[in-house]
Amino acid sequence: MYFIQAEHNPPHVHAIYGDNTAEITIHEGKILEGHLPPKALSMVREWIQLNQDDLLQIWETQEFKALNPLE
């Protein structure tokens, strides 16, 4: 998952899985653009939910930090 500086709203992350990429909202876990296989999308949504507060803080401040992966 990654952010790009000066992103457009709504708050979202970019995810890459193999040859697939998607932009996924932080609040709803909705795909804005792209495609991920169902299992990968489920994992991304779980990770977003676990890190939602940190992701929103990063979005608002543009102060990037590493977040833990799923275990």
PDB file of N, CA and C in Angstrom:
ATOM      1  N   MET A   1       0.848  -1.162   0.000  1.00  0.00           N
ATOM      2  CA  MET A   1       0.000   0.000   0.000  1.00  0.00           C
ATOM      3  C   MET A   1       0.897   1.230   0.000  1.00  0.00           C
ATOM      4  N   TYR A   2       0.410   2.271  -0.619  1.00  0.00           N
ATOM      5  CA  TYR A   2       1.184   3.496  -0.624  1.00  0.00           C
ATOM      6  C   TYR A   2       0.279   4.690  -0.890  1.00  0.00           C
ATOM      7  N   PHE A   3       0.786   5.853  -0.529  1.00  0.00           N
ATOM      8  CA  PHE A   3       0.148   7.134  -0.821  1.00  0.00           C
ATOM      9  C   PHE A   3       1.008   7.858  -1.852  1.00  0.00           C
ATOM     10  N   ILE A   4       0.415   8.800  -2.536  1.00  0.00           N
ATOM     11  CA  ILE A   4       1.147   9.711  -3.406  1.00  0.00           C
ATOM     12  C   ILE A   4       0.910  11.111  -2.862  1.00  0.00           C
ATOM     13  N   GLN A   5       1.967  11.916  -2.752  1.00  0.00           N
ATOM     14  CA  GLN A   5       1.785  13.271  -2.238  1.00  0.00           C
ATOM     15  C   GLN A   5       0.786  14.040  -3.087  1.00  0.00           C
ATOM     16  N   ALA A   6       0.073  14.958  -2.426  1.00  0.00           N
ATOM     17  CA  ALA A   6      -0.923  15.824  -3.069  1.00  0.00           C
ATOM     18  C   ALA A   6      -2.019  15.003  -3.743  1.00  0.00           C
ATOM     19  N   GLU A   7      -2.529  14.019  -3.035  1.00  0.00           N
ATOM     20  CA  GLU A   7      -3.602  13.165  -3.532  1.00  0.00           C
ATOM     21  C   GLU A   7      -4.919  13.922  -3.630  1.00  0.00           C
ATOM     22  N   HIS A   8      -5.840  13.372  -4.380  1.00  0.00           N
ATOM     23  CA  HIS A   8      -7.185  13.909  -4.489  1.00  0.00           C
ATOM     24  C   HIS A   8      -8.094  13.227  -3.471  1.00  0.00           C
ATOM     25  N   ASN A   9      -9.166  13.882  -3.079  1.00  0.00           N
ATOM     26  CA  ASN A   9     -10.142  13.280  -2.177  1.00  0.00           C
ATOM     27  C   ASN A   9     -11.030  12.321  -2.951  1.00  0.00           C
ATOM     28  N   PRO A  10     -11.650  11.359  -2.317  1.00  0.00           N
ATOM     29  CA  PRO A  10     -11.663  11.061  -0.895  1.00  0.00           C
ATOM     30  C   PRO A  10     -10.362  10.371  -0.463  1.00  0.00           C
ATOM     31  N   PRO A  11     -10.080  10.371   0.849  1.00  0.00           N
ATOM     32  CA  PRO A  11      -8.875   9.706   1.351  1.00  0.00           C
ATOM     33  C   PRO A  11      -8.848   8.235   0.902  1.00  0.00           C
ATOM     34  N   HIS A  12      -7.715   7.822   0.351  1.00  0.00           N
ATOM     35  CA  HIS A  12      -7.592   6.467  -0.156  1.00  0.00           C
ATOM     36  C   HIS A  12      -6.132   6.027  -0.159  1.00  0.00           C
ATOM     37  N   VAL A  13      -5.938   4.725  -0.360  1.00  0.00           N
ATOM     38  CA  VAL A  13      -4.603   4.157  -0.524  1.00  0.00           C
ATOM     39  C   VAL A  13      -4.541   3.500  -1.895  1.00  0.00           C
ATOM     40  N   HIS A  14      -3.338   3.302  -2.366  1.00  0.00           N
ATOM     41  CA  HIS A  14      -3.093   2.573  -3.605  1.00  0.00           C
ATOM     42  C   HIS A  14      -2.556   1.200  -3.213  1.00  0.00           C
ATOM     43  N   ALA A  15      -3.088   0.155  -3.809  1.00  0.00           N
ATOM     44  CA  ALA A  15      -2.635  -1.207  -3.524  1.00  0.00           C
ATOM     45  C   ALA A  15      -2.180  -1.874  -4.815  1.00  0.00           C
ATOM     46  N   ILE A  16      -1.123  -2.657  -4.698  1.00  0.00           N
ATOM     47  CA  ILE A  16      -0.603  -3.415  -5.829  1.00  0.00           C
ATOM     48  C   ILE A  16      -0.596  -4.889  -5.426  1.00  0.00           C
ATOM     49  N   TYR A  17      -1.111  -5.727  -6.301  1.00  0.00           N
ATOM     50  CA  TYR A  17      -1.077  -7.182  -6.100  1.00  0.00           C
ATOM     51  C   TYR A  17      -0.782  -7.810  -7.459  1.00  0.00           C
ATOM     52  N   GLY A  18       0.436  -8.298  -7.631  1.00  0.00           N
ATOM     53  CA  GLY A  18       0.832  -8.839  -8.931  1.00  0.00           C
ATOM     54  C   GLY A  18       0.736  -7.764  -9.999  1.00  0.00           C
ATOM     55  N   ASP A  19      -0.024  -8.042 -11.037  1.00  0.00           N
ATOM     56  CA  ASP A  19      -0.223  -7.075 -12.120  1.00  0.00           C
ATOM     57  C   ASP A  19      -1.432  -6.175 -11.878  1.00  0.00           C
ATOM     58  N   ASN A  20      -2.121  -6.364 -10.755  1.00  0.00           N
ATOM     59  CA  ASN A  20      -3.333  -5.607 -10.460  1.00  0.00           C
ATOM     60  C   ASN A  20      -3.037  -4.433  -9.532  1.00  0.00           C
ATOM     61  N   THR A  21      -3.710  -3.322  -9.771  1.00  0.00           N
ATOM     62  CA  THR A  21      -3.603  -2.164  -8.892  1.00  0.00           C
ATOM     63  C   THR A  21      -5.005  -1.618  -8.631  1.00  0.00           C
ATOM     64  N   ALA A  22      -5.156  -0.953  -7.491  1.00  0.00           N
ATOM     65  CA  ALA A  22      -6.448  -0.354  -7.166  1.00  0.00           C
ATOM     66  C   ALA A  22      -6.251   0.800  -6.199  1.00  0.00           C
ATOM     67  N   GLU A  23      -7.168   1.766  -6.266  1.00  0.00           N
ATOM     68  CA  GLU A  23      -7.279   2.835  -5.279  1.00  0.00           C
ATOM     69  C   GLU A  23      -8.477   2.478  -4.408  1.00  0.00           C
ATOM     70  N   ILE A  24      -8.261   2.417  -3.085  1.00  0.00           N
ATOM     71  CA  ILE A  24      -9.300   1.965  -2.161  1.00  0.00           C
ATOM     72  C   ILE A  24      -9.485   3.008  -1.075  1.00  0.00           C
ATOM     73  N   THR A  25     -10.754   3.399  -0.840  1.00  0.00           N
ATOM     74  CA  THR A  25     -11.029   4.441   0.146  1.00  0.00           C
ATOM     75  C   THR A  25     -10.719   3.956   1.553  1.00  0.00           C
ATOM     76  N   ILE A  26     -10.277   4.894   2.384  1.00  0.00           N
ATOM     77  CA  ILE A  26      -9.941   4.579   3.770  1.00  0.00           C
ATOM     78  C   ILE A  26     -11.204   4.432   4.613  1.00  0.00           C
ATOM     79  N   HIS A  27     -12.214   5.237   4.360  1.00  0.00           N
ATOM     80  CA  HIS A  27     -13.434   5.181   5.173  1.00  0.00           C
ATOM     81  C   HIS A  27     -14.300   3.960   4.883  1.00  0.00           C
ATOM     82  N   GLU A  28     -14.549   3.659   3.621  1.00  0.00           N
ATOM     83  CA  GLU A  28     -15.491   2.588   3.270  1.00  0.00           C
ATOM     84  C   GLU A  28     -14.841   1.325   2.712  1.00  0.00           C
ATOM     85  N   GLY A  29     -13.579   1.391   2.339  1.00  0.00           N
ATOM     86  CA  GLY A  29     -12.939   0.248   1.701  1.00  0.00           C
ATOM     87  C   GLY A  29     -13.457   0.003   0.293  1.00  0.00           C
ATOM     88  N   LYS A  30     -13.979   1.053  -0.335  1.00  0.00           N
ATOM     89  CA  LYS A  30     -14.559   0.971  -1.673  1.00  0.00           C
ATOM     90  C   LYS A  30     -13.479   1.188  -2.730  1.00  0.00           C
ATOM     91  N   ILE A  31     -13.534   0.416  -3.813  1.00  0.00           N
ATOM     92  CA  ILE A  31     -12.590   0.606  -4.917  1.00  0.00           C
ATOM     93  C   ILE A  31     -13.012   1.833  -5.716  1.00  0.00           C
ATOM     94  N   LEU A  32     -12.097   2.803  -5.819  1.00  0.00           N
ATOM     95  CA  LEU A  32     -12.332   3.987  -6.636  1.00  0.00           C
ATOM     96  C   LEU A  32     -11.934   3.731  -8.084  1.00  0.00           C
ATOM     97  N   GLU A  33     -10.862   2.988  -8.242  1.00  0.00           N
ATOM     98  CA  GLU A  33     -10.329   2.727  -9.580  1.00  0.00           C
ATOM     99  C   GLU A  33      -9.489   1.468  -9.525  1.00  0.00           C
ATOM    100  N   GLY A  34      -9.504   0.696 -10.585  1.00  0.00           N
ATOM    101  CA  GLY A  34      -8.669  -0.494 -10.670  1.00  0.00           C
ATOM    102  C   GLY A  34      -9.393  -1.746 -10.233  1.00  0.00           C
ATOM    103  N   HIS A  35      -8.597  -2.790  -9.989  1.00  0.00           N
ATOM    104  CA  HIS A  35      -9.149  -4.102  -9.642  1.00  0.00           C
ATOM    105  C   HIS A  35      -8.126  -4.881  -8.821  1.00  0.00           C
ATOM    106  N   LEU A  36      -8.620  -5.616  -7.828  1.00  0.00           N
ATOM    107  CA  LEU A  36      -7.822  -6.590  -7.103  1.00  0.00           C
ATOM    108  C   LEU A  36      -8.626  -7.884  -7.042  1.00  0.00           C
ATOM    109  N   PRO A  37      -7.955  -9.042  -7.053  1.00  0.00           N
ATOM    110  CA  PRO A  37      -8.676 -10.289  -6.851  1.00  0.00           C
ATOM    111  C   PRO A  37      -9.390 -10.263  -5.485  1.00  0.00           C
ATOM    112  N   PRO A  38     -10.501 -10.973  -5.352  1.00  0.00           N
ATOM    113  CA  PRO A  38     -11.288 -10.927  -4.112  1.00  0.00           C
ATOM    114  C   PRO A  38     -10.485 -11.172  -2.833  1.00  0.00           C
ATOM    115  N   LYS A  39      -9.610 -12.163  -2.803  1.00  0.00           N
ATOM    116  CA  LYS A  39      -8.825 -12.470  -1.596  1.00  0.00           C
ATOM    117  C   LYS A  39      -7.885 -11.311  -1.248  1.00  0.00           C
ATOM    118  N   ALA A  40      -7.227 -10.745  -2.249  1.00  0.00           N
ATOM    119  CA  ALA A  40      -6.330  -9.609  -2.016  1.00  0.00           C
ATOM    120  C   ALA A  40      -7.122  -8.404  -1.529  1.00  0.00           C
ATOM    121  N   LEU A  41      -8.266  -8.135  -2.137  1.00  0.00           N
ATOM    122  CA  LEU A  41      -9.095  -7.007  -1.718  1.00  0.00           C
ATOM    123  C   LEU A  41      -9.555  -7.178  -0.280  1.00  0.00           C
ATOM    124  N   SER A  42      -9.926  -8.383   0.103  1.00  0.00           N
ATOM    125  CA  SER A  42     -10.337  -8.661   1.478  1.00  0.00           C
ATOM    126  C   SER A  42      -9.203  -8.357   2.461  1.00  0.00           C
ATOM    127  N   MET A  43      -7.988  -8.741   2.106  1.00  0.00           N
ATOM    128  CA  MET A  43      -6.835  -8.492   2.969  1.00  0.00           C
ATOM    129  C   MET A  43      -6.538  -6.995   3.064  1.00  0.00           C
ATOM    130  N   VAL A  44      -6.633  -6.289   1.949  1.00  0.00           N
ATOM    131  CA  VAL A  44      -6.397  -4.843   1.958  1.00  0.00           C
ATOM    132  C   VAL A  44      -7.440  -4.153   2.837  1.00  0.00           C
ATOM    133  N   ARG A  45      -8.694  -4.547   2.696  1.00  0.00           N
ATOM    134  CA  ARG A  45      -9.752  -3.950   3.516  1.00  0.00           C
ATOM    135  C   ARG A  45      -9.524  -4.210   4.999  1.00  0.00           C
ATOM    136  N   GLU A  46      -9.089  -5.406   5.347  1.00  0.00           N
ATOM    137  CA  GLU A  46      -8.783  -5.725   6.749  1.00  0.00           C
ATOM    138  C   GLU A  46      -7.647  -4.840   7.252  1.00  0.00           C
ATOM    139  N   TRP A  47      -6.588  -4.691   6.455  1.00  0.00           N
ATOM    140  CA  TRP A  47      -5.438  -3.867   6.838  1.00  0.00           C
ATOM    141  C   TRP A  47      -5.854  -2.409   7.002  1.00  0.00           C
ATOM    142  N   ILE A  48      -6.677  -1.902   6.079  1.00  0.00           N
ATOM    143  CA  ILE A  48      -7.158  -0.523   6.187  1.00  0.00           C
ATOM    144  C   ILE A  48      -7.943  -0.342   7.482  1.00  0.00           C
ATOM    145  N   GLN A  49      -8.828  -1.287   7.782  1.00  0.00           N
ATOM    146  CA  GLN A  49      -9.638  -1.183   8.999  1.00  0.00           C
ATOM    147  C   GLN A  49      -8.750  -1.160  10.251  1.00  0.00           C
ATOM    148  N   LEU A  50      -7.741  -2.010  10.286  1.00  0.00           N
ATOM    149  CA  LEU A  50      -6.841  -2.056  11.446  1.00  0.00           C
ATOM    150  C   LEU A  50      -6.011  -0.784  11.596  1.00  0.00           C
ATOM    151  N   ASN A  51      -5.728  -0.110  10.488  1.00  0.00           N
ATOM    152  CA  ASN A  51      -4.844   1.063  10.486  1.00  0.00           C
ATOM    153  C   ASN A  51      -5.566   2.363  10.139  1.00  0.00           C
ATOM    154  N   GLN A  52      -6.889   2.361  10.192  1.00  0.00           N
ATOM    155  CA  GLN A  52      -7.667   3.502   9.703  1.00  0.00           C
ATOM    156  C   GLN A  52      -7.263   4.826  10.351  1.00  0.00           C
ATOM    157  N   ASP A  53      -7.118   4.856  11.671  1.00  0.00           N
ATOM    158  CA  ASP A  53      -6.752   6.110  12.336  1.00  0.00           C
ATOM    159  C   ASP A  53      -5.401   6.627  11.855  1.00  0.00           C
ATOM    160  N   ASP A  54      -4.413   5.739  11.776  1.00  0.00           N
ATOM    161  CA  ASP A  54      -3.089   6.145  11.299  1.00  0.00           C
ATOM    162  C   ASP A  54      -3.136   6.577   9.841  1.00  0.00           C
ATOM    163  N   LEU A  55      -3.882   5.874   9.015  1.00  0.00           N
ATOM    164  CA  LEU A  55      -3.984   6.230   7.600  1.00  0.00           C
ATOM    165  C   LEU A  55      -4.602   7.610   7.420  1.00  0.00           C
ATOM    166  N   LEU A  56      -5.651   7.896   8.185  1.00  0.00           N
ATOM    167  CA  LEU A  56      -6.281   9.217   8.080  1.00  0.00           C
ATOM    168  C   LEU A  56      -5.347  10.319   8.575  1.00  0.00           C
ATOM    169  N   GLN A  57      -4.577  10.022   9.627  1.00  0.00           N
ATOM    170  CA  GLN A  57      -3.601  11.007  10.117  1.00  0.00           C
ATOM    171  C   GLN A  57      -2.535  11.266   9.054  1.00  0.00           C
ATOM    172  N   ILE A  58      -2.051  10.204   8.432  1.00  0.00           N
ATOM    173  CA  ILE A  58      -1.069  10.360   7.358  1.00  0.00           C
ATOM    174  C   ILE A  58      -1.669  11.183   6.223  1.00  0.00           C
ATOM    175  N   TRP A  59      -2.912  10.882   5.865  1.00  0.00           N
ATOM    176  CA  TRP A  59      -3.579  11.606   4.776  1.00  0.00           C
ATOM    177  C   TRP A  59      -3.648  13.097   5.086  1.00  0.00           C
ATOM    178  N   GLU A  60      -4.034  13.426   6.321  1.00  0.00           N
ATOM    179  CA  GLU A  60      -4.228  14.830   6.697  1.00  0.00           C
ATOM    180  C   GLU A  60      -2.917  15.589   6.861  1.00  0.00           C
ATOM    181  N   THR A  61      -1.903  14.944   7.413  1.00  0.00           N
ATOM    182  CA  THR A  61      -0.650  15.636   7.721  1.00  0.00           C
ATOM    183  C   THR A  61       0.421  15.480   6.645  1.00  0.00           C
ATOM    184  N   GLN A  62       0.288  14.457   5.796  1.00  0.00           N
ATOM    185  CA  GLN A  62       1.323  14.112   4.809  1.00  0.00           C
ATOM    186  C   GLN A  62       2.643  13.763   5.490  1.00  0.00           C
ATOM    187  N   GLU A  63       2.570  13.346   6.769  1.00  0.00           N
ATOM    188  CA  GLU A  63       3.741  12.855   7.503  1.00  0.00           C
ATOM    189  C   GLU A  63       3.713  11.338   7.429  1.00  0.00           C
ATOM    190  N   PHE A  64       4.480  10.795   6.517  1.00  0.00           N
ATOM    191  CA  PHE A  64       4.438   9.379   6.235  1.00  0.00           C
ATOM    192  C   PHE A  64       5.205   8.571   7.276  1.00  0.00           C
ATOM    193  N   LYS A  65       4.674   7.388   7.597  1.00  0.00           N
ATOM    194  CA  LYS A  65       5.341   6.471   8.516  1.00  0.00           C
ATOM    195  C   LYS A  65       4.985   5.048   8.110  1.00  0.00           C
ATOM    196  N   ALA A  66       5.816   4.117   8.492  1.00  0.00           N
ATOM    197  CA  ALA A  66       5.571   2.708   8.181  1.00  0.00           C
ATOM    198  C   ALA A  66       4.478   2.169   9.082  1.00  0.00           C
ATOM    199  N   LEU A  67       3.621   1.346   8.519  1.00  0.00           N
ATOM    200  CA  LEU A  67       2.557   0.675   9.284  1.00  0.00           C
ATOM    201  C   LEU A  67       2.785  -0.823   9.204  1.00  0.00           C
ATOM    202  N   ASN A  68       2.421  -1.524  10.257  1.00  0.00           N
ATOM    203  CA  ASN A  68       2.640  -2.969  10.310  1.00  0.00           C
ATOM    204  C   ASN A  68       1.776  -3.699   9.287  1.00  0.00           C
ATOM    205  N   PRO A  69       2.315  -4.774   8.703  1.00  0.00           N
ATOM    206  CA  PRO A  69       1.523  -5.601   7.787  1.00  0.00           C
ATOM    207  C   PRO A  69       0.550  -6.478   8.571  1.00  0.00           C
ATOM    208  N   LEU A  70      -0.330  -7.166   7.866  1.00  0.00           N
ATOM    209  CA  LEU A  70      -1.191  -8.161   8.508  1.00  0.00           C
ATOM    210  C   LEU A  70      -0.323  -9.310   8.984  1.00  0.00           C
ATOM    211  N   GLU A  71      -0.741  -9.930  10.052  1.00  0.00           N
ATOM    212  CA  GLU A  71       0.013 -11.109  10.555  1.00  0.00           C
ATOM    213  C   GLU A  71      -0.668 -12.385  10.171  1.00  0.00           C
TER     214      GLU A  71
END
